[in-house]
Protein backbone atom coordinates (compact mmCIF):
# COMPACT_ATOMS: atom_id res chain seq x y z
CA MET A 1 6.02 19.85 -141.76
CA ILE A 2 3.02 22.33 -141.31
CA THR A 3 0.20 19.44 -140.35
CA ALA A 4 3.06 17.67 -137.93
CA LYS A 5 3.08 21.01 -136.24
CA ILE A 6 -0.44 21.63 -136.09
CA ARG A 7 -1.08 18.13 -134.96
CA ALA A 8 1.78 18.82 -132.26
CA GLY A 9 -0.13 21.99 -131.15
CA VAL A 10 -3.25 20.87 -130.74
CA ALA A 11 -1.94 17.37 -128.94
CA ALA A 12 -0.23 20.04 -126.24
CA ALA A 13 -3.30 21.89 -125.76
CA LEU A 14 -5.60 19.05 -125.37
CA ALA A 15 -2.71 17.47 -122.65
CA LEU A 16 -2.66 21.12 -121.29
CA GLY A 17 -6.40 20.66 -120.78
CA VAL A 18 -6.47 17.24 -119.32
CA ALA A 19 -3.89 18.01 -117.14
CA ALA A 20 -5.81 21.27 -115.81
CA ALA A 21 -9.17 18.92 -115.48
CA LEU A 22 -6.94 16.24 -113.39
CA SER A 23 -5.14 18.77 -111.06
CA GLY A 24 -8.36 20.68 -110.37
CA CYS A 25 -9.60 17.11 -109.41
CA ALA A 26 -6.77 16.63 -107.36
CA SER A 27 -6.92 19.82 -105.58
CA SER A 28 -5.66 20.27 -101.75
CA ASN A 29 -8.44 21.86 -101.10
CA PRO A 30 -11.81 19.71 -101.79
CA LEU A 31 -13.96 22.28 -101.01
CA ASP A 32 -13.01 24.45 -104.08
CA SER A 33 -16.13 23.61 -106.02
CA GLY A 34 -17.42 26.71 -106.03
CA SER A 35 -20.33 25.94 -103.99
CA SER A 36 -20.73 27.53 -100.57
CA SER A 37 -23.41 25.99 -99.17
CA SER A 38 -24.86 21.97 -99.33
CA SER A 39 -28.39 23.72 -97.99
CA ASP A 40 -29.80 22.76 -101.10
CA SER A 41 -29.82 19.45 -100.73
CA LYS A 42 -30.41 16.55 -98.03
CA THR A 43 -27.18 15.63 -98.76
CA ILE A 44 -24.76 15.54 -95.45
CA VAL A 45 -21.34 16.56 -96.17
CA ILE A 46 -18.78 14.76 -93.88
CA GLY A 47 -15.43 16.37 -93.81
CA SER A 48 -12.42 15.36 -92.23
CA GLN A 49 -8.73 16.88 -91.58
CA GLN A 50 -5.90 15.70 -93.66
CA TYR A 51 -4.69 13.72 -90.85
CA TYR A 52 -5.30 9.61 -91.24
CA SER A 53 -6.85 9.39 -87.76
CA ASN A 54 -9.35 12.20 -88.42
CA GLU A 55 -10.38 10.47 -91.77
CA ILE A 56 -11.11 7.26 -89.78
CA ILE A 57 -13.63 8.71 -87.54
CA ALA A 58 -15.14 10.70 -90.25
CA GLU A 59 -15.61 7.39 -92.20
CA MET A 60 -17.01 6.30 -89.04
CA TYR A 61 -19.70 9.04 -88.90
CA ALA A 62 -20.28 8.52 -92.69
CA GLN A 63 -21.02 4.79 -92.38
CA VAL A 64 -23.45 4.72 -89.56
CA LEU A 65 -25.72 7.71 -91.06
CA GLU A 66 -25.68 6.01 -94.44
CA LYS A 67 -26.92 2.87 -92.37
CA ASP A 68 -29.90 4.98 -90.80
CA GLY A 69 -30.68 6.02 -94.56
CA PHE A 70 -28.89 9.15 -94.72
CA GLN A 71 -27.81 10.49 -98.20
CA VAL A 72 -23.62 11.29 -97.59
CA LYS A 73 -20.90 13.11 -99.46
CA ARG A 74 -17.50 12.74 -98.33
CA ASN A 75 -15.13 15.41 -98.35
CA PHE A 76 -12.17 14.08 -96.81
CA ASN A 77 -8.84 15.27 -96.26
CA ILE A 78 -9.17 19.21 -96.31
CA GLY A 79 -6.52 19.96 -94.56
CA GLN A 80 -6.46 22.36 -91.03
CA ARG A 81 -8.44 24.01 -89.36
CA GLU A 82 -7.87 27.61 -90.88
CA ILE A 83 -9.43 26.12 -93.78
CA TYR A 84 -12.25 23.76 -92.91
CA LEU A 85 -13.88 25.59 -90.03
CA PRO A 86 -14.84 28.75 -92.27
CA GLN A 87 -16.63 26.47 -94.92
CA LEU A 88 -18.17 24.57 -92.34
CA GLN A 89 -20.12 27.89 -91.32
CA LYS A 90 -20.80 28.62 -94.64
CA GLY A 91 -22.64 25.19 -95.10
CA ALA A 92 -20.00 24.00 -97.48
CA ILE A 93 -19.32 20.84 -94.91
CA ASP A 94 -22.00 19.57 -92.10
CA VAL A 95 -19.75 17.57 -90.14
CA MET A 96 -16.23 17.48 -89.16
CA PRO A 97 -14.44 15.00 -86.26
CA GLU A 98 -12.79 17.91 -84.21
CA TYR A 99 -10.85 17.85 -80.85
CA SER A 100 -12.69 20.05 -78.07
CA GLY A 101 -9.35 22.10 -76.66
CA ASN A 102 -7.96 23.40 -79.73
CA LEU A 103 -11.63 23.86 -81.14
CA LEU A 104 -12.42 26.31 -78.65
CA GLN A 105 -8.98 28.03 -78.73
CA TYR A 106 -9.59 28.70 -82.62
CA TYR A 107 -12.61 30.47 -81.76
CA ASP A 108 -11.25 31.91 -78.23
CA LYS A 109 -7.70 32.42 -78.16
CA LYS A 110 -8.13 33.66 -74.23
CA ALA A 111 -10.03 30.61 -72.99
CA THR A 112 -9.36 29.91 -69.57
CA ALA A 113 -10.99 26.68 -69.77
CA LYS A 114 -9.03 23.64 -68.71
CA THR A 115 -11.13 20.55 -67.55
CA PRO A 116 -13.13 18.64 -70.17
CA SER A 117 -16.16 19.61 -68.66
CA GLU A 118 -15.15 23.37 -68.58
CA ILE A 119 -14.36 23.01 -72.08
CA ASP A 120 -17.62 21.85 -73.29
CA ALA A 121 -19.40 24.49 -71.57
CA ALA A 122 -17.12 27.20 -73.17
CA LEU A 123 -17.73 25.81 -76.52
CA GLN A 124 -21.19 25.91 -76.49
CA LYS A 125 -21.19 30.09 -75.84
CA ALA A 126 -17.88 30.12 -78.38
CA LEU A 127 -19.02 28.43 -81.57
CA PRO A 128 -20.42 30.96 -84.26
CA SER A 129 -24.43 30.87 -84.85
CA GLY A 130 -25.44 27.73 -86.83
CA LEU A 131 -22.71 25.31 -85.33
CA ARG A 132 -22.94 23.13 -82.40
CA VAL A 133 -20.77 20.12 -80.61
CA LEU A 134 -22.35 16.91 -80.39
CA ASP A 135 -21.32 14.29 -77.41
CA GLU A 136 -17.50 14.05 -76.83
CA ALA A 137 -15.95 10.80 -76.80
CA GLU A 138 -13.83 9.31 -74.33
CA ALA A 139 -10.93 8.97 -76.84
CA THR A 140 -8.25 11.94 -76.84
CA ASP A 141 -5.66 12.93 -79.35
CA GLN A 142 -3.33 15.62 -78.17
CA ASP A 143 -0.84 17.59 -79.66
CA SER A 144 2.35 16.47 -77.59
CA TYR A 145 5.75 17.56 -76.89
CA THR A 146 7.57 14.38 -78.13
CA VAL A 147 10.95 13.61 -77.52
CA THR A 148 13.01 10.71 -77.84
CA LYS A 149 13.94 8.17 -75.23
CA GLN A 150 17.78 8.96 -75.29
CA PHE A 151 17.26 12.64 -75.28
CA SER A 152 14.77 12.47 -72.41
CA GLU A 153 17.60 10.45 -70.06
CA GLU A 154 20.39 12.09 -71.18
CA ASN A 155 19.09 15.69 -70.35
CA ASP A 156 16.62 14.29 -67.28
CA VAL A 157 13.45 15.64 -69.10
CA THR A 158 10.06 14.08 -68.83
CA SER A 159 8.01 17.62 -68.59
CA LEU A 160 7.94 20.25 -70.04
CA ALA A 161 8.95 22.19 -67.04
CA ASP A 162 11.99 20.37 -67.56
CA LEU A 163 12.97 22.21 -70.38
CA LYS A 164 14.53 25.21 -68.88
CA ASN A 165 17.34 23.07 -67.69
CA VAL A 166 18.73 22.10 -71.24
CA GLU A 167 21.45 24.39 -72.29
CA LYS A 168 21.76 24.07 -75.77
CA THR A 169 19.43 25.27 -78.37
CA LEU A 170 16.08 23.04 -79.02
CA THR A 171 14.35 23.04 -82.10
CA VAL A 172 10.82 21.81 -82.31
CA GLY A 173 9.42 20.15 -85.72
CA ALA A 174 5.45 20.59 -86.37
CA ASN A 175 3.07 21.52 -89.28
CA SER A 176 3.47 25.46 -89.91
CA GLU A 177 -0.05 26.18 -88.00
CA PHE A 178 1.56 24.92 -84.97
CA GLN A 179 3.95 28.12 -84.72
CA THR A 180 0.92 30.51 -83.93
CA ARG A 181 -0.84 28.14 -81.81
CA PRO A 182 -1.89 29.20 -78.49
CA TYR A 183 0.74 26.22 -77.22
CA GLY A 184 3.10 26.39 -79.66
CA PRO A 185 6.71 27.95 -79.24
CA LYS A 186 5.37 31.32 -77.56
CA GLY A 187 3.09 29.71 -75.77
CA LEU A 188 6.13 27.32 -74.18
CA LYS A 189 8.16 30.13 -73.74
CA SER A 190 5.14 32.58 -71.69
CA VAL A 191 4.03 29.21 -69.34
CA TYR A 192 7.14 27.68 -69.02
CA GLY A 193 9.95 29.99 -69.99
CA VAL A 194 11.60 28.03 -72.53
CA ASP A 195 13.02 29.48 -75.72
CA VAL A 196 12.49 26.91 -78.68
CA ASP A 197 13.60 27.57 -82.56
CA PHE A 198 10.62 26.00 -84.94
CA LYS A 199 10.94 24.00 -87.93
CA ALA A 200 8.01 23.58 -89.89
CA ILE A 201 7.32 19.75 -90.99
CA GLU A 202 3.73 19.59 -93.14
CA ASP A 203 2.58 15.48 -92.36
CA SER A 204 1.03 15.88 -88.64
CA GLY A 205 3.36 14.46 -86.94
CA GLY A 206 3.97 11.36 -89.55
CA ALA A 207 6.84 9.85 -90.98
CA LEU A 208 8.76 12.93 -92.20
CA THR A 209 8.31 14.11 -88.12
CA VAL A 210 9.53 10.77 -86.84
CA LYS A 211 12.54 10.70 -88.81
CA ALA A 212 13.41 14.49 -88.02
CA LEU A 213 12.78 13.86 -84.59
CA LYS A 214 14.76 10.66 -84.55
CA ASP A 215 17.98 11.55 -86.87
CA GLY A 216 18.45 14.86 -84.62
CA THR A 217 17.18 17.52 -86.99
CA VAL A 218 14.59 18.48 -84.14
CA GLN A 219 14.81 17.64 -80.51
CA LEU A 220 11.20 18.13 -79.89
CA ALA A 221 8.36 17.12 -82.39
CA ASP A 222 4.03 17.54 -81.80
CA ILE A 223 3.34 14.24 -82.27
CA TYR A 224 -0.43 13.39 -81.55
CA SER A 225 -0.57 11.08 -78.01
CA ALA A 226 -2.91 8.49 -80.19
CA ASP A 227 -0.24 7.78 -82.75
CA PRO A 228 1.08 4.41 -82.78
CA SER A 229 4.85 5.59 -83.41
CA ILE A 230 5.33 7.15 -80.12
CA LYS A 231 4.99 3.26 -78.69
CA ALA A 232 6.79 1.97 -82.04
CA ASN A 233 9.98 4.27 -81.15
CA ASP A 234 9.78 4.35 -77.54
CA PHE A 235 9.61 7.92 -77.76
CA VAL A 236 8.68 10.14 -74.88
CA SER A 237 5.46 12.62 -74.61
CA LEU A 238 6.82 15.20 -72.09
CA LYS A 239 4.47 15.95 -69.29
CA ASP A 240 2.45 19.30 -69.00
CA PRO A 241 1.61 20.30 -65.67
CA GLU A 242 0.36 23.70 -66.18
CA ASN A 243 -2.06 22.55 -69.08
CA LEU A 244 -0.43 24.45 -71.66
CA ILE A 245 -1.88 21.81 -74.27
CA LEU A 246 -5.80 21.75 -73.18
CA PRO A 247 -7.83 18.19 -73.16
CA GLN A 248 -8.42 17.37 -76.44
CA ASN A 249 -11.42 15.01 -76.90
CA VAL A 250 -12.63 13.76 -79.93
CA ILE A 251 -15.98 15.90 -80.34
CA PRO A 252 -18.41 16.04 -83.56
CA VAL A 253 -18.69 19.91 -84.65
CA VAL A 254 -21.88 19.95 -87.20
CA SER A 255 -24.36 22.44 -89.26
CA LYS A 256 -27.83 23.12 -88.95
CA LYS A 257 -28.72 20.68 -91.25
CA VAL A 258 -27.71 17.76 -88.64
CA ASP A 259 -30.98 16.58 -87.12
CA ASP A 260 -31.68 14.71 -83.79
CA LYS A 261 -31.67 11.86 -85.79
CA ALA A 262 -28.34 11.96 -87.42
CA ALA A 263 -27.06 13.29 -83.98
CA ALA A 264 -27.99 10.43 -82.20
CA ASP A 265 -26.32 8.04 -84.89
CA ILE A 266 -22.87 10.29 -84.81
CA ASP A 267 -23.08 10.28 -80.51
CA GLU A 268 -23.17 6.77 -81.12
CA VAL A 269 -19.74 6.30 -82.39
CA SER A 270 -18.84 8.80 -79.54
CA LYS A 271 -19.68 6.31 -77.16
CA VAL A 272 -17.56 3.25 -78.01
CA LEU A 273 -14.51 5.35 -79.05
CA THR A 274 -11.90 4.99 -76.46
CA THR A 275 -8.36 6.33 -76.31
CA ASP A 276 -7.29 2.76 -76.68
CA ALA A 277 -9.18 1.69 -79.35
CA LEU A 278 -8.18 4.97 -81.65
CA ILE A 279 -4.77 3.93 -80.73
CA GLU A 280 -5.38 0.59 -82.45
CA LEU A 281 -7.57 1.85 -85.31
CA ASN A 282 -4.34 4.29 -86.26
CA ALA A 283 -2.02 1.71 -85.81
CA LYS A 284 -4.09 -0.13 -88.56
CA SER A 285 -3.77 2.43 -90.88
CA VAL A 286 -0.15 3.43 -90.03
CA THR A 287 1.00 -0.14 -89.63
CA ASP A 288 -0.93 -2.55 -91.74
CA LYS A 289 -1.85 0.25 -94.05
CA GLU A 290 -5.43 -0.75 -94.36
CA LYS A 291 -7.96 1.62 -95.71
CA ALA A 292 -10.01 4.43 -93.52
CA SER A 293 -13.28 2.69 -95.03
CA THR A 294 -12.23 -0.88 -94.05
CA ILE A 295 -10.86 0.25 -90.84
CA ALA A 296 -13.81 2.16 -89.84
CA LYS A 297 -16.47 -0.64 -91.13
CA ASP A 298 -14.40 -3.36 -89.22
CA PHE A 299 -14.67 -1.25 -85.99
CA LEU A 300 -18.47 -0.63 -86.16
CA THR A 301 -19.32 -4.06 -86.93
CA GLU A 302 -17.43 -5.29 -83.88
CA LYS A 303 -19.11 -2.72 -81.76
CA GLY A 304 -22.91 -3.36 -83.49
CA LEU A 305 -23.26 -0.10 -84.79
CA LEU A 306 -23.45 -1.76 -88.43
């Protein structure tokens, strides 16, 4: 009996050790590796948000750099801006696909820029030392207040301004970060005079958010404009005449390690990435369940970049 108990104890300890190791490998923050800088290596570390579309773009950057002989490490699905931008500043990652308006508002919450060119100029001043942005793509993937077609027709709502005429209580569903973003509930109240409740749904406008919108758990949802679910479900993205949500062109933000040669490679991706192309790429992920690496490779090959 004593031997059996000892064996059971050893087995349990080993199981706990393995579980802990696996847990460390599957951390929701891939940057928890103990290293705060990649400056001691020639390897370019590319990150992505915890968002399938962002991962596809990051994979494109990785593949064009690898083709040109660069050593690349992928650190994908890191999370939201509040996690990865501080790490980018520290040098733990070197390249991130970003979105121009949101990136500007992260560093300058009082920014007054409205147009893409104004945002680009403002970003040059707002970014901390050591970071820069490369050429932005034509593609945009914007946060949007999205409603069902039924809600739009029953309440005569096609614009954020129309929401003030809706008498019933409205709830918006989005990632928890949305609640404190400049274009979140407080921004909606400030710019359009509309009060909304908030429900956190942590899937970046994905299947859970779509379900909540369709079943009426929320009346508004933050769904990114290049998400194929908008067309697939006949949703309506509300117009934003006061530009509460800034233009969000895809734009790479990079560290000092990214030299002119690497920057030129990444810029080639931006040149061919349009909004229509991004919607098609996203559909391959959402509908066809293809891997980001496959989607990126096929697109880059089609465009003559691989």
